[in-house]
Every structure is written in structure tokens, then in C-alpha cells.
Amino acid sequence: MGNMHASEYASMKGKNKDLGLLAHLQSNHYPPVPASMLGPSKRAINAVNKGKHDSNIRLPEGVMYKGKKAAPAHAIVEAHHLHAWLNPNQFEE
């Protein structure tokens, strides 16, 4: 996993933010994280940025966390190495 690449992807602006996060999920992990995790990853980043580390984030069909269909925001951030995105207003919706 490349921290330098994650930082570069996280610094992307505008519409490219989603592309940067998706590129990170798929190129900095083996096996690649499915594209269906883009939305949950963004929601996890937002939750952690707001201090809601234990917020349950619903997972896409076919993805489970410890046998459940939701995962705590902090677990998604940890598992997918999303620390480079942890700053205020990164993915405001």
C-alpha cells in the first residue's frame, strides 16, 4: 500500500476527488477493494471527520463486516487505509 499515492489521491480536487478515492481503493490494495465501496468509504470518512467514529455505515450487497451488513466508520477507514482523507470538509454532501 502506498501512503504517498494515497496522499496524492486525497489531494485531488473537484470531481476528481471520487476518482482519486476509487483509484486508491483499487490500486493500493490487493485484492482491489470493490468499486461498490466508494460510497461507504466516503460516508465513513465524513463520519470520522465529524467525530462519529462508531457510526454504522451500511455496506453494499455482498459485502459483510463480521457477518453484518454494516460496519463502524472507523473500521472502514482502518481497513481501507483512508487516513489521508481525514480532514474537515473532504466529502461534504
PDB file of N, CA and C in Angstrom:
ATOM      1  N   MET A   1       0.861  -1.175   0.000  1.00  0.00           N
ATOM      2  CA  MET A   1       0.000   0.000   0.000  1.00  0.00           C
ATOM      3  C   MET A   1       0.894   1.221   0.000  1.00  0.00           C
ATOM      4  N   GLY A   2       0.618   2.181  -0.874  1.00  0.00           N
ATOM      5  CA  GLY A   2       1.458   3.356  -0.979  1.00  0.00           C
ATOM      6  C   GLY A   2       0.864   4.570  -0.293  1.00  0.00           C
ATOM      7  N   ASN A   3       1.459   4.976   0.841  1.00  0.00           N
ATOM      8  CA  ASN A   3       0.990   6.181   1.531  1.00  0.00           C
ATOM      9  C   ASN A   3       1.161   7.420   0.674  1.00  0.00           C
ATOM     10  N   MET A   4       2.248   7.478  -0.087  1.00  0.00           N
ATOM     11  CA  MET A   4       2.475   8.631  -0.939  1.00  0.00           C
ATOM     12  C   MET A   4       1.378   8.732  -1.993  1.00  0.00           C
ATOM     13  N   HIS A   5       1.014   7.608  -2.580  1.00  0.00           N
ATOM     14  CA  HIS A   5      -0.047   7.612  -3.578  1.00  0.00           C
ATOM     15  C   HIS A   5      -1.374   8.004  -2.940  1.00  0.00           C
ATOM     16  N   ALA A   6      -1.650   7.511  -1.739  1.00  0.00           N
ATOM     17  CA  ALA A   6      -2.889   7.859  -1.045  1.00  0.00           C
ATOM     18  C   ALA A   6      -2.955   9.366  -0.810  1.00  0.00           C
ATOM     19  N   SER A   7      -1.846   9.960  -0.393  1.00  0.00           N
ATOM     20  CA  SER A   7      -1.823  11.407  -0.164  1.00  0.00           C
ATOM     21  C   SER A   7      -2.059  12.179  -1.453  1.00  0.00           C
ATOM     22  N   GLU A   8      -1.469  11.708  -2.540  1.00  0.00           N
ATOM     23  CA  GLU A   8      -1.687  12.358  -3.833  1.00  0.00           C
ATOM     24  C   GLU A   8      -3.139  12.239  -4.266  1.00  0.00           C
ATOM     25  N   TYR A   9      -3.712  11.042  -4.116  1.00  0.00           N
ATOM     26  CA  TYR A   9      -5.120  10.843  -4.472  1.00  0.00           C
ATOM     27  C   TYR A   9      -6.021  11.721  -3.612  1.00  0.00           C
ATOM     28  N   ALA A  10      -5.721  11.826  -2.317  1.00  0.00           N
ATOM     29  CA  ALA A  10      -6.547  12.604  -1.392  1.00  0.00           C
ATOM     30  C   ALA A  10      -6.500  14.098  -1.699  1.00  0.00           C
ATOM     31  N   SER A  11      -5.433  14.548  -2.344  1.00  0.00           N
ATOM     32  CA  SER A  11      -5.303  15.982  -2.629  1.00  0.00           C
ATOM     33  C   SER A  11      -6.039  16.394  -3.904  1.00  0.00           C
ATOM     34  N   MET A  12      -6.635  15.442  -4.611  1.00  0.00           N
ATOM     35  CA  MET A  12      -7.353  15.766  -5.844  1.00  0.00           C
ATOM     36  C   MET A  12      -8.562  16.638  -5.524  1.00  0.00           C
ATOM     37  N   LYS A  13      -8.903  17.521  -6.430  1.00  0.00           N
ATOM     38  CA  LYS A  13      -9.979  18.494  -6.209  1.00  0.00           C
ATOM     39  C   LYS A  13     -11.163  18.233  -7.131  1.00  0.00           C
ATOM     40  N   GLY A  14     -12.291  18.848  -6.792  1.00  0.00           N
ATOM     41  CA  GLY A  14     -13.477  18.811  -7.633  1.00  0.00           C
ATOM     42  C   GLY A  14     -13.987  17.405  -7.874  1.00  0.00           C
ATOM     43  N   LYS A  15     -14.426  17.167  -9.093  1.00  0.00           N
ATOM     44  CA  LYS A  15     -14.993  15.860  -9.451  1.00  0.00           C
ATOM     45  C   LYS A  15     -13.959  14.753  -9.365  1.00  0.00           C
ATOM     46  N   ASN A  16     -12.703  15.106  -9.398  1.00  0.00           N
ATOM     47  CA  ASN A  16     -11.636  14.103  -9.345  1.00  0.00           C
ATOM     48  C   ASN A  16     -11.467  13.482  -7.956  1.00  0.00           C
ATOM     49  N   LYS A  17     -12.101  14.071  -6.918  1.00  0.00           N
ATOM     50  CA  LYS A  17     -11.979  13.502  -5.571  1.00  0.00           C
ATOM     51  C   LYS A  17     -12.461  12.058  -5.547  1.00  0.00           C
ATOM     52  N   ASP A  18     -13.622  11.817  -6.164  1.00  0.00           N
ATOM     53  CA  ASP A  18     -14.147  10.450  -6.194  1.00  0.00           C
ATOM     54  C   ASP A  18     -13.229   9.532  -6.978  1.00  0.00           C
ATOM     55  N   LEU A  19     -12.701  10.023  -8.092  1.00  0.00           N
ATOM     56  CA  LEU A  19     -11.788   9.200  -8.898  1.00  0.00           C
ATOM     57  C   LEU A  19     -10.518   8.872  -8.126  1.00  0.00           C
ATOM     58  N   GLY A  20     -10.027   9.834  -7.360  1.00  0.00           N
ATOM     59  CA  GLY A  20      -8.830   9.603  -6.552  1.00  0.00           C
ATOM     60  C   GLY A  20      -9.071   8.561  -5.482  1.00  0.00           C
ATOM     61  N   LEU A  21     -10.228   8.654  -4.810  1.00  0.00           N
ATOM     62  CA  LEU A  21     -10.548   7.672  -3.783  1.00  0.00           C
ATOM     63  C   LEU A  21     -10.737   6.289  -4.402  1.00  0.00           C
ATOM     64  N   LEU A  22     -11.424   6.227  -5.516  1.00  0.00           N
ATOM     65  CA  LEU A  22     -11.620   4.946  -6.197  1.00  0.00           C
ATOM     66  C   LEU A  22     -10.284   4.354  -6.654  1.00  0.00           C
ATOM     67  N   ALA A  23      -9.414   5.182  -7.192  1.00  0.00           N
ATOM     68  CA  ALA A  23      -8.095   4.700  -7.613  1.00  0.00           C
ATOM     69  C   ALA A  23      -7.329   4.140  -6.415  1.00  0.00           C
ATOM     70  N   HIS A  24      -7.421   4.815  -5.280  1.00  0.00           N
ATOM     71  CA  HIS A  24      -6.765   4.326  -4.068  1.00  0.00           C
ATOM     72  C   HIS A  24      -7.317   2.959  -3.667  1.00  0.00           C
ATOM     73  N   LEU A  25      -8.639   2.845  -3.643  1.00  0.00           N
ATOM     74  CA  LEU A  25      -9.265   1.587  -3.225  1.00  0.00           C
ATOM     75  C   LEU A  25      -8.869   0.432  -4.139  1.00  0.00           C
ATOM     76  N   GLN A  26      -8.713   0.718  -5.411  1.00  0.00           N
ATOM     77  CA  GLN A  26      -8.462  -0.367  -6.348  1.00  0.00           C
ATOM     78  C   GLN A  26      -6.986  -0.596  -6.672  1.00  0.00           C
ATOM     79  N   SER A  27      -6.158   0.412  -6.510  1.00  0.00           N
ATOM     80  CA  SER A  27      -4.751   0.209  -6.878  1.00  0.00           C
ATOM     81  C   SER A  27      -3.815   0.064  -5.680  1.00  0.00           C
ATOM     82  N   ASN A  28      -4.237   0.509  -4.512  1.00  0.00           N
ATOM     83  CA  ASN A  28      -3.372   0.406  -3.334  1.00  0.00           C
ATOM     84  C   ASN A  28      -3.735  -0.779  -2.444  1.00  0.00           C
ATOM     85  N   HIS A  29      -4.591  -1.660  -2.929  1.00  0.00           N
ATOM     86  CA  HIS A  29      -4.987  -2.829  -2.154  1.00  0.00           C
ATOM     87  C   HIS A  29      -4.940  -4.076  -3.030  1.00  0.00           C
ATOM     88  N   TYR A  30      -4.577  -5.188  -2.395  1.00  0.00           N
ATOM     89  CA  TYR A  30      -4.649  -6.453  -3.099  1.00  0.00           C
ATOM     90  C   TYR A  30      -5.325  -7.461  -2.192  1.00  0.00           C
ATOM     91  N   PRO A  31      -6.407  -8.042  -2.598  1.00  0.00           N
ATOM     92  CA  PRO A  31      -7.099  -7.746  -3.857  1.00  0.00           C
ATOM     93  C   PRO A  31      -7.732  -6.362  -3.811  1.00  0.00           C
ATOM     94  N   PRO A  32      -8.043  -5.803  -4.967  1.00  0.00           N
ATOM     95  CA  PRO A  32      -8.638  -4.468  -5.007  1.00  0.00           C
ATOM     96  C   PRO A  32      -9.967  -4.429  -4.250  1.00  0.00           C
ATOM     97  N   VAL A  33     -10.211  -3.311  -3.584  1.00  0.00           N
ATOM     98  CA  VAL A  33     -11.493  -3.088  -2.912  1.00  0.00           C
ATOM     99  C   VAL A  33     -12.531  -2.851  -4.008  1.00  0.00           C
ATOM    100  N   PRO A  34     -13.704  -3.480  -3.924  1.00  0.00           N
ATOM    101  CA  PRO A  34     -14.711  -3.303  -4.982  1.00  0.00           C
ATOM    102  C   PRO A  34     -15.158  -1.845  -5.111  1.00  0.00           C
ATOM    103  N   ALA A  35     -15.464  -1.458  -6.331  1.00  0.00           N
ATOM    104  CA  ALA A  35     -15.928  -0.090  -6.593  1.00  0.00           C
ATOM    105  C   ALA A  35     -17.192   0.231  -5.811  1.00  0.00           C
ATOM    106  N   SER A  36     -17.957  -0.780  -5.466  1.00  0.00           N
ATOM    107  CA  SER A  36     -19.188  -0.559  -4.694  1.00  0.00           C
ATOM    108  C   SER A  36     -18.903  -0.007  -3.295  1.00  0.00           C
ATOM    109  N   MET A  37     -17.646  -0.039  -2.865  1.00  0.00           N
ATOM    110  CA  MET A  37     -17.278   0.501  -1.553  1.00  0.00           C
ATOM    111  C   MET A  37     -16.945   1.991  -1.593  1.00  0.00           C
ATOM    112  N   LEU A  38     -17.041   2.622  -2.759  1.00  0.00           N
ATOM    113  CA  LEU A  38     -16.759   4.054  -2.847  1.00  0.00           C
ATOM    114  C   LEU A  38     -17.700   4.855  -1.947  1.00  0.00           C
ATOM    115  N   GLY A  39     -19.005   4.646  -2.080  1.00  0.00           N
ATOM    116  CA  GLY A  39     -19.978   5.376  -1.271  1.00  0.00           C
ATOM    117  C   GLY A  39     -19.801   5.137   0.220  1.00  0.00           C
ATOM    118  N   PRO A  40     -19.724   3.875   0.661  1.00  0.00           N
ATOM    119  CA  PRO A  40     -19.497   3.626   2.089  1.00  0.00           C
ATOM    120  C   PRO A  40     -18.180   4.229   2.594  1.00  0.00           C
ATOM    121  N   SER A  41     -17.160   4.238   1.762  1.00  0.00           N
ATOM    122  CA  SER A  41     -15.882   4.832   2.170  1.00  0.00           C
ATOM    123  C   SER A  41     -16.040   6.331   2.379  1.00  0.00           C
ATOM    124  N   LYS A  42     -16.751   6.995   1.470  1.00  0.00           N
ATOM    125  CA  LYS A  42     -16.987   8.438   1.619  1.00  0.00           C
ATOM    126  C   LYS A  42     -17.799   8.727   2.880  1.00  0.00           C
ATOM    127  N   ARG A  43     -18.832   7.902   3.139  1.00  0.00           N
ATOM    128  CA  ARG A  43     -19.647   8.109   4.338  1.00  0.00           C
ATOM    129  C   ARG A  43     -18.823   7.867   5.601  1.00  0.00           C
ATOM    130  N   ALA A  44     -17.926   6.885   5.570  1.00  0.00           N
ATOM    131  CA  ALA A  44     -17.062   6.611   6.720  1.00  0.00           C
ATOM    132  C   ALA A  44     -16.105   7.778   6.964  1.00  0.00           C
ATOM    133  N   ILE A  45     -15.535   8.315   5.904  1.00  0.00           N
ATOM    134  CA  ILE A  45     -14.641   9.476   6.032  1.00  0.00           C
ATOM    135  C   ILE A  45     -15.395  10.639   6.658  1.00  0.00           C
ATOM    136  N   ASN A  46     -16.602  10.925   6.155  1.00  0.00           N
ATOM    137  CA  ASN A  46     -17.405  12.026   6.696  1.00  0.00           C
ATOM    138  C   ASN A  46     -17.722  11.809   8.167  1.00  0.00           C
ATOM    139  N   ALA A  47     -18.115  10.586   8.514  1.00  0.00           N
ATOM    140  CA  ALA A  47     -18.466  10.287   9.902  1.00  0.00           C
ATOM    141  C   ALA A  47     -17.268  10.497  10.822  1.00  0.00           C
ATOM    142  N   VAL A  48     -16.115   9.959  10.437  1.00  0.00           N
ATOM    143  CA  VAL A  48     -14.921  10.100  11.272  1.00  0.00           C
ATOM    144  C   VAL A  48     -14.505  11.565  11.360  1.00  0.00           C
ATOM    145  N   ASN A  49     -14.591  12.292  10.255  1.00  0.00           N
ATOM    146  CA  ASN A  49     -14.250  13.718  10.284  1.00  0.00           C
ATOM    147  C   ASN A  49     -15.157  14.497  11.225  1.00  0.00           C
ATOM    148  N   LYS A  50     -16.374  14.001  11.431  1.00  0.00           N
ATOM    149  CA  LYS A  50     -17.327  14.665  12.338  1.00  0.00           C
ATOM    150  C   LYS A  50     -17.242  14.108  13.758  1.00  0.00           C
ATOM    151  N   GLY A  51     -16.290  13.223  14.001  1.00  0.00           N
ATOM    152  CA  GLY A  51     -16.121  12.650  15.332  1.00  0.00           C
ATOM    153  C   GLY A  51     -17.062  11.506  15.633  1.00  0.00           C
ATOM    154  N   LYS A  52     -17.747  10.986  14.637  1.00  0.00           N
ATOM    155  CA  LYS A  52     -18.701   9.893  14.822  1.00  0.00           C
ATOM    156  C   LYS A  52     -18.064   8.576  14.384  1.00  0.00           C
ATOM    157  N   HIS A  53     -17.012   8.208  15.068  1.00  0.00           N
ATOM    158  CA  HIS A  53     -16.196   7.045  14.708  1.00  0.00           C
ATOM    159  C   HIS A  53     -16.969   5.730  14.733  1.00  0.00           C
ATOM    160  N   ASP A  54     -17.954   5.631  15.609  1.00  0.00           N
ATOM    161  CA  ASP A  54     -18.697   4.386  15.764  1.00  0.00           C
ATOM    162  C   ASP A  54     -19.985   4.342  14.941  1.00  0.00           C
ATOM    163  N   SER A  55     -20.217   5.338  14.096  1.00  0.00           N
ATOM    164  CA  SER A  55     -21.414   5.327  13.244  1.00  0.00           C
ATOM    165  C   SER A  55     -21.415   4.087  12.368  1.00  0.00           C
ATOM    166  N   ASN A  56     -22.559   3.428  12.294  1.00  0.00           N
ATOM    167  CA  ASN A  56     -22.668   2.258  11.425  1.00  0.00           C
ATOM    168  C   ASN A  56     -22.896   2.700   9.997  1.00  0.00           C
ATOM    169  N   ILE A  57     -22.079   2.206   9.105  1.00  0.00           N
ATOM    170  CA  ILE A  57     -22.155   2.509   7.682  1.00  0.00           C
ATOM    171  C   ILE A  57     -22.665   1.257   6.973  1.00  0.00           C
ATOM    172  N   ARG A  58     -23.774   1.415   6.281  1.00  0.00           N
ATOM    173  CA  ARG A  58     -24.360   0.282   5.548  1.00  0.00           C
ATOM    174  C   ARG A  58     -23.431  -0.119   4.406  1.00  0.00           C
ATOM    175  N   LEU A  59     -23.250  -1.401   4.248  1.00  0.00           N
ATOM    176  CA  LEU A  59     -22.362  -1.945   3.223  1.00  0.00           C
ATOM    177  C   LEU A  59     -23.170  -2.384   2.005  1.00  0.00           C
ATOM    178  N   PRO A  60     -22.555  -2.388   0.832  1.00  0.00           N
ATOM    179  CA  PRO A  60     -23.257  -2.808  -0.383  1.00  0.00           C
ATOM    180  C   PRO A  60     -23.572  -4.306  -0.356  1.00  0.00           C
ATOM    181  N   GLU A  61     -24.502  -4.679  -1.196  1.00  0.00           N
ATOM    182  CA  GLU A  61     -24.906  -6.080  -1.316  1.00  0.00           C
ATOM    183  C   GLU A  61     -23.677  -6.960  -1.550  1.00  0.00           C
ATOM    184  N   GLY A  62     -23.580  -8.023  -0.776  1.00  0.00           N
ATOM    185  CA  GLY A  62     -22.481  -8.967  -0.941  1.00  0.00           C
ATOM    186  C   GLY A  62     -21.249  -8.655  -0.117  1.00  0.00           C
ATOM    187  N   VAL A  63     -21.237  -7.524   0.579  1.00  0.00           N
ATOM    188  CA  VAL A  63     -20.101  -7.157   1.424  1.00  0.00           C
ATOM    189  C   VAL A  63     -20.549  -7.242   2.878  1.00  0.00           C
ATOM    190  N   MET A  64     -19.777  -7.938   3.696  1.00  0.00           N
ATOM    191  CA  MET A  64     -20.120  -8.119   5.105  1.00  0.00           C
ATOM    192  C   MET A  64     -18.934  -7.713   5.978  1.00  0.00           C
ATOM    193  N   TYR A  65     -19.251  -7.291   7.188  1.00  0.00           N
ATOM    194  CA  TYR A  65     -18.236  -6.980   8.198  1.00  0.00           C
ATOM    195  C   TYR A  65     -18.588  -7.802   9.439  1.00  0.00           C
ATOM    196  N   LYS A  66     -17.774  -8.773   9.742  1.00  0.00           N
ATOM    197  CA  LYS A  66     -18.009  -9.648  10.888  1.00  0.00           C
ATOM    198  C   LYS A  66     -19.418 -10.220  10.863  1.00  0.00           C
ATOM    199  N   GLY A  67     -19.859 -10.622   9.663  1.00  0.00           N
ATOM    200  CA  GLY A  67     -21.163 -11.233   9.498  1.00  0.00           C
ATOM    201  C   GLY A  67     -22.332 -10.260   9.474  1.00  0.00           C
ATOM    202  N   LYS A  68     -22.046  -8.959   9.452  1.00  0.00           N
ATOM    203  CA  LYS A  68     -23.105  -7.949   9.471  1.00  0.00           C
ATOM    204  C   LYS A  68     -23.092  -7.131   8.192  1.00  0.00           C
ATOM    205  N   LYS A  69     -24.234  -6.498   7.897  1.00  0.00           N
ATOM    206  CA  LYS A  69     -24.377  -5.695   6.686  1.00  0.00           C
ATOM    207  C   LYS A  69     -23.996  -4.240   6.892  1.00  0.00           C
ATOM    208  N   ALA A  70     -23.417  -3.915   8.047  1.00  0.00           N
ATOM    209  CA  ALA A  70     -22.947  -2.563   8.350  1.00  0.00           C
ATOM    210  C   ALA A  70     -21.634  -2.680   9.122  1.00  0.00           C
ATOM    211  N   ALA A  71     -20.838  -1.608   9.047  1.00  0.00           N
ATOM    212  CA  ALA A  71     -19.552  -1.591   9.749  1.00  0.00           C
ATOM    213  C   ALA A  71     -19.368  -0.228  10.396  1.00  0.00           C
ATOM    214  N   PRO A  72     -18.654  -0.167  11.521  1.00  0.00           N
ATOM    215  CA  PRO A  72     -18.361   1.128  12.121  1.00  0.00           C
ATOM    216  C   PRO A  72     -17.466   1.942  11.177  1.00  0.00           C
ATOM    217  N   ALA A  73     -17.688   3.234  11.165  1.00  0.00           N
ATOM    218  CA  ALA A  73     -16.919   4.119  10.285  1.00  0.00           C
ATOM    219  C   ALA A  73     -15.415   3.927  10.482  1.00  0.00           C
ATOM    220  N   HIS A  74     -14.977   3.842  11.729  1.00  0.00           N
ATOM    221  CA  HIS A  74     -13.533   3.712  11.983  1.00  0.00           C
ATOM    222  C   HIS A  74     -12.966   2.429  11.395  1.00  0.00           C
ATOM    223  N   ALA A  75     -13.772   1.357  11.351  1.00  0.00           N
ATOM    224  CA  ALA A  75     -13.295   0.085  10.806  1.00  0.00           C
ATOM    225  C   ALA A  75     -13.079   0.189   9.298  1.00  0.00           C
ATOM    226  N   ILE A  76     -13.965   0.913   8.617  1.00  0.00           N
ATOM    227  CA  ILE A  76     -13.806   1.103   7.171  1.00  0.00           C
ATOM    228  C   ILE A  76     -12.569   1.943   6.889  1.00  0.00           C
ATOM    229  N   VAL A  77     -12.382   3.013   7.668  1.00  0.00           N
ATOM    230  CA  VAL A  77     -11.195   3.869   7.495  1.00  0.00           C
ATOM    231  C   VAL A  77      -9.925   3.055   7.716  1.00  0.00           C
ATOM    232  N   GLU A  78      -9.901   2.251   8.767  1.00  0.00           N
ATOM    233  CA  GLU A  78      -8.714   1.433   9.056  1.00  0.00           C
ATOM    234  C   GLU A  78      -8.468   0.395   7.971  1.00  0.00           C
ATOM    235  N   ALA A  79      -9.504  -0.358   7.624  1.00  0.00           N
ATOM    236  CA  ALA A  79      -9.341  -1.460   6.674  1.00  0.00           C
ATOM    237  C   ALA A  79      -8.929  -0.992   5.289  1.00  0.00           C
ATOM    238  N   HIS A  80      -9.384   0.198   4.907  1.00  0.00           N
ATOM    239  CA  HIS A  80      -9.108   0.697   3.558  1.00  0.00           C
ATOM    240  C   HIS A  80      -8.060   1.811   3.540  1.00  0.00           C
ATOM    241  N   HIS A  81      -7.387   1.998   4.668  1.00  0.00           N
ATOM    242  CA  HIS A  81      -6.270   2.945   4.758  1.00  0.00           C
ATOM    243  C   HIS A  81      -6.675   4.334   4.248  1.00  0.00           C
ATOM    244  N   LEU A  82      -7.747   4.882   4.814  1.00  0.00           N
ATOM    245  CA  LEU A  82      -8.306   6.159   4.344  1.00  0.00           C
ATOM    246  C   LEU A  82      -7.834   7.363   5.153  1.00  0.00           C
ATOM    247  N   HIS A  83      -6.781   7.220   5.909  1.00  0.00           N
ATOM    248  CA  HIS A  83      -6.320   8.292   6.784  1.00  0.00           C
ATOM    249  C   HIS A  83      -5.951   9.567   6.035  1.00  0.00           C
ATOM    250  N   ALA A  84      -5.495   9.447   4.814  1.00  0.00           N
ATOM    251  CA  ALA A  84      -5.115  10.639   4.039  1.00  0.00           C
ATOM    252  C   ALA A  84      -6.323  11.533   3.762  1.00  0.00           C
ATOM    253  N   TRP A  85      -7.522  10.989   3.848  1.00  0.00           N
ATOM    254  CA  TRP A  85      -8.749  11.754   3.586  1.00  0.00           C
ATOM    255  C   TRP A  85      -9.339  12.350   4.846  1.00  0.00           C
ATOM    256  N   LEU A  86      -8.742  12.100   5.994  1.00  0.00           N
ATOM    257  CA  LEU A  86      -9.305  12.576   7.253  1.00  0.00           C
ATOM    258  C   LEU A  86      -8.932  14.024   7.509  1.00  0.00           C
ATOM    259  N   ASN A  87      -9.775  14.895   7.022  1.00  0.00           N
ATOM    260  CA  ASN A  87      -9.683  16.308   7.318  1.00  0.00           C
ATOM    261  C   ASN A  87     -11.047  16.927   7.067  1.00  0.00           C
ATOM    262  N   PRO A  88     -11.360  18.022   7.698  1.00  0.00           N
ATOM    263  CA  PRO A  88     -12.697  18.613   7.567  1.00  0.00           C
ATOM    264  C   PRO A  88     -13.049  18.956   6.121  1.00  0.00           C
ATOM    265  N   ASN A  89     -14.309  18.787   5.797  1.00  0.00           N
ATOM    266  CA  ASN A  89     -14.890  19.184   4.511  1.00  0.00           C
ATOM    267  C   ASN A  89     -14.387  18.385   3.319  1.00  0.00           C
ATOM    268  N   GLN A  90     -13.815  17.214   3.544  1.00  0.00           N
ATOM    269  CA  GLN A  90     -13.276  16.435   2.438  1.00  0.00           C
ATOM    270  C   GLN A  90     -14.369  15.983   1.464  1.00  0.00           C
ATOM    271  N   PHE A  91     -15.452  15.421   2.001  1.00  0.00           N
ATOM    272  CA  PHE A  91     -16.534  14.932   1.146  1.00  0.00           C
ATOM    273  C   PHE A  91     -17.869  15.442   1.654  1.00  0.00           C
ATOM    274  N   GLU A  92     -17.995  16.729   1.823  1.00  0.00           N
ATOM    275  CA  GLU A  92     -19.266  17.298   2.278  1.00  0.00           C
ATOM    276  C   GLU A  92     -20.351  16.983   1.264  1.00  0.00           C
ATOM    277  N   GLU A  93     -21.496  16.539   1.756  1.00  0.00           N
ATOM    278  CA  GLU A  93     -22.602  16.206   0.858  1.00  0.00           C
ATOM    279  C   GLU A  93     -23.753  17.150   1.089  1.00  0.00           C
TER     280      GLU A  93
END
